[in-house]
């Protein structure tokens, strides 16, 4: 079962990451954010993005070997705790930004709450979710799919920035100067 999930997930990861890289190289082909609902970009991005998210979790759960790196049970439990905390922060950041803005509506640039410390707290916390998931599972296939998911989130941030500058102009540029892309460094 794990091999099948990994094969499908790996194939989807290649498509998604390739499309995001093409977006960065050729902005006219922009897949993220999709230019509008019901466009080819929307039909390519959303199913592949959602499927890869789900396949990461299914692969992590299905691989019962869980000893790829031989991590101690305490480390794996700590990773589960970090996963739960990261999910909580993701939900909070989603609520602050709002559902529509989370899906690239132009409901205004948000710079309050958690968005004072990170321009992309949803992506940053989800990167922690997938890193934590991989460590908790300690599964080779889960490590690879979760790494692909983390790469997709990072590429989404880079692809979204020109769109935000176009949508919000000077406000976006000012926000970029004040707030780090992911997190403030100590």
Protein backbone atom coordinates (compact mmCIF):
# COMPACT_ATOMS: atom_id res chain seq x y z
CA UNK A 1 0.00 0.00 0.00
CA UNK A 2 2.77 2.45 0.93
CA UNK A 3 4.55 1.84 -2.37
CA UNK A 4 1.41 2.64 -4.36
CA UNK A 5 0.70 5.79 -2.33
CA UNK A 6 4.30 6.89 -2.71
CA UNK A 7 4.31 6.26 -6.47
CA UNK A 8 1.15 8.30 -7.00
CA UNK A 9 2.34 11.00 -4.59
CA UNK A 10 5.76 11.19 -6.23
CA UNK A 11 4.20 11.57 -9.67
CA UNK A 12 1.90 14.33 -8.43
CA UNK A 13 4.81 16.03 -6.66
CA UNK A 14 6.79 16.14 -9.90
CA UNK A 15 3.86 17.74 -11.74
CA UNK A 16 3.13 20.26 -8.98
CA UNK A 17 6.73 21.32 -8.37
CA UNK A 18 7.43 21.51 -12.11
CA UNK A 19 4.36 23.71 -12.62
CA UNK A 20 5.43 26.00 -9.76
CA UNK A 21 8.96 26.25 -11.16
CA UNK A 22 7.49 27.09 -14.58
CA UNK A 23 5.43 29.80 -12.89
CA UNK A 24 8.61 31.34 -11.52
CA UNK A 25 10.41 31.10 -14.88
CA UNK A 26 7.44 32.13 -17.05
CA UNK A 27 4.97 34.25 -15.06
CA UNK A 28 2.41 34.21 -17.89
CA UNK A 29 1.92 30.49 -17.24
CA UNK A 30 1.17 31.24 -13.59
CA UNK A 31 -0.37 28.25 -11.87
CA UNK A 32 -0.28 29.83 -8.39
CA UNK A 33 -2.25 31.76 -7.60
CA UNK A 34 -4.58 30.57 -10.34
CA UNK A 35 -5.74 33.58 -12.36
CA UNK A 36 -9.41 32.66 -11.86
CA UNK A 37 -11.62 29.75 -10.91
CA UNK A 38 -12.40 27.26 -13.68
CA UNK A 39 -9.18 27.97 -15.58
CA UNK A 40 -6.72 25.29 -16.67
CA UNK A 41 -4.36 26.55 -13.95
CA UNK A 42 -7.04 26.01 -11.32
CA UNK A 43 -7.77 22.53 -12.65
CA UNK A 44 -4.07 21.61 -12.54
CA UNK A 45 -3.12 23.29 -9.27
CA UNK A 46 -5.93 22.49 -6.84
CA UNK A 47 -6.31 18.75 -7.46
CA UNK A 48 -2.56 18.12 -7.47
CA UNK A 49 -1.96 20.35 -4.42
CA UNK A 50 -4.76 18.77 -2.38
CA UNK A 51 -3.85 15.25 -3.44
CA UNK A 52 -0.22 15.69 -2.43
CA UNK A 53 -1.28 17.03 0.98
CA UNK A 54 -3.48 14.00 1.58
CA UNK A 55 -0.95 11.52 0.17
CA UNK A 56 1.73 12.77 2.57
CA UNK A 57 -0.47 11.86 5.52
CA UNK A 58 -1.68 8.58 4.03
CA UNK A 59 1.88 7.51 3.24
CA UNK A 60 3.07 8.42 6.74
CA UNK A 61 0.20 6.45 8.31
CA UNK A 62 0.46 3.45 5.99
CA UNK A 63 4.19 2.80 6.38
CA UNK A 64 4.32 0.60 9.45
CA UNK A 65 8.08 0.08 9.33
CA UNK A 66 8.75 3.55 10.75
CA UNK A 67 12.44 2.98 11.40
CA UNK A 68 14.09 4.66 8.43
CA UNK A 69 16.47 6.71 10.60
CA UNK A 70 15.85 4.72 13.76
CA UNK A 71 14.61 7.74 15.70
CA UNK A 72 13.80 7.28 19.36
CA UNK A 73 10.14 7.14 20.38
CA UNK A 74 10.57 10.38 22.37
CA UNK A 75 11.74 12.27 19.31
CA UNK A 76 8.84 10.93 17.26
CA UNK A 77 6.35 11.90 20.00
CA UNK A 78 7.88 15.39 20.21
CA UNK A 79 7.42 15.64 16.43
CA UNK A 80 3.74 14.74 16.85
CA UNK A 81 3.37 17.46 19.50
CA UNK A 82 5.04 19.99 17.16
CA UNK A 83 2.73 18.82 14.36
CA UNK A 84 -0.33 19.50 16.55
CA UNK A 85 0.98 22.91 17.67
CA UNK A 86 1.80 23.84 14.07
CA UNK A 87 -1.69 22.84 12.94
CA UNK A 88 -3.11 25.08 15.66
CA UNK A 89 -1.03 28.03 14.45
CA UNK A 90 -2.08 27.30 10.89
CA UNK A 91 -5.76 27.41 11.85
CA UNK A 92 -5.19 30.69 13.71
CA UNK A 93 -3.38 32.26 10.74
CA UNK A 94 -6.09 31.00 8.37
CA UNK A 95 -8.75 32.68 10.52
CA UNK A 96 -6.81 35.97 10.69
CA UNK A 97 -6.35 36.10 6.91
CA UNK A 98 -9.84 34.82 6.15
CA UNK A 99 -10.98 32.04 3.88
CA UNK A 100 -11.33 34.14 0.74
CA UNK A 101 -7.92 35.81 1.07
CA UNK A 102 -6.39 32.40 1.82
CA UNK A 103 -7.58 31.35 -1.62
CA UNK A 104 -6.25 34.52 -3.30
CA UNK A 105 -9.26 36.78 -3.23
CA UNK A 106 -8.39 40.44 -3.09
CA UNK A 107 -10.05 41.25 0.22
CA UNK A 108 -7.23 43.48 1.38
CA UNK A 109 -3.67 43.03 2.53
CA UNK A 110 -3.62 41.65 6.08
CA UNK A 111 -0.88 42.85 8.44
CA UNK A 112 -2.43 42.18 11.86
CA UNK A 113 -2.17 39.31 14.30
CA UNK A 114 0.35 36.69 13.29
CA UNK A 115 0.80 38.51 9.97
CA UNK A 116 2.80 41.21 11.83
CA UNK A 117 5.59 38.63 12.29
CA UNK A 118 5.36 36.66 9.05
CA UNK A 119 3.98 37.43 5.61
CA UNK A 120 3.31 33.73 5.14
CA UNK A 121 2.42 32.15 8.48
CA UNK A 122 0.11 29.58 6.88
CA UNK A 123 2.87 28.28 4.62
CA UNK A 124 5.49 28.50 7.37
CA UNK A 125 3.37 26.52 9.82
CA UNK A 126 2.42 23.95 7.21
CA UNK A 127 6.11 23.45 6.41
CA UNK A 128 6.53 22.64 10.11
CA UNK A 129 3.54 20.30 9.91
CA UNK A 130 5.09 18.29 7.09
CA UNK A 131 8.56 18.29 8.61
CA UNK A 132 7.06 17.07 11.87
CA UNK A 133 4.94 14.47 10.09
CA UNK A 134 8.00 13.04 8.36
CA UNK A 135 9.96 12.82 11.62
CA UNK A 136 6.99 11.31 13.49
CA UNK A 137 6.56 8.65 10.81
CA UNK A 138 10.31 8.06 10.36
CA UNK A 139 9.47 6.60 6.98
CA UNK A 140 11.59 6.96 3.84
CA UNK A 141 8.59 7.47 1.54
CA UNK A 142 7.05 9.96 4.02
CA UNK A 143 10.33 11.91 4.21
CA UNK A 144 10.42 12.23 0.42
CA UNK A 145 6.77 13.20 -0.05
CA UNK A 146 6.85 15.61 2.89
CA UNK A 147 10.03 17.21 1.48
CA UNK A 148 8.20 17.66 -1.83
CA UNK A 149 5.25 19.24 -0.01
CA UNK A 150 7.56 21.61 1.86
CA UNK A 151 9.21 22.55 -1.44
CA UNK A 152 5.78 23.19 -2.97
CA UNK A 153 4.83 25.52 -0.11
CA UNK A 154 8.12 27.43 -0.45
CA UNK A 155 7.66 27.76 -4.22
CA UNK A 156 4.07 28.92 -3.72
CA UNK A 157 5.33 31.77 -1.54
CA UNK A 158 7.83 32.84 -4.20
CA UNK A 159 5.24 32.58 -6.98
CA UNK A 160 2.66 34.53 -4.98
CA UNK A 161 4.85 37.54 -4.23
CA UNK A 162 4.65 39.13 -7.73
CA UNK A 163 0.89 38.59 -7.68
CA UNK A 164 0.63 40.36 -4.32
CA UNK A 165 2.73 43.29 -5.60
CA UNK A 166 0.41 43.56 -8.60
CA UNK A 167 -2.72 43.30 -6.48
CA UNK A 168 -1.67 45.59 -3.62
CA UNK A 169 1.13 47.75 -5.05
CA UNK A 170 2.82 50.05 -2.56
CA UNK A 171 1.10 48.39 0.43
CA UNK A 172 2.63 45.05 -0.52
CA UNK A 173 6.09 46.53 -1.03
CA UNK A 174 5.88 48.29 2.34
CA UNK A 175 4.78 45.06 4.03
CA UNK A 176 7.73 43.22 2.43
CA UNK A 177 10.13 45.77 3.91
CA UNK A 178 8.64 45.49 7.43
CA UNK A 179 7.70 41.82 7.74
CA UNK A 180 9.91 38.83 6.90
CA UNK A 181 8.81 36.26 4.35
CA UNK A 182 8.58 33.48 6.95
CA UNK A 183 9.67 34.39 10.48
CA UNK A 184 11.62 37.06 12.31
CA UNK A 185 15.13 35.89 13.04
CA UNK A 186 16.27 36.18 16.65
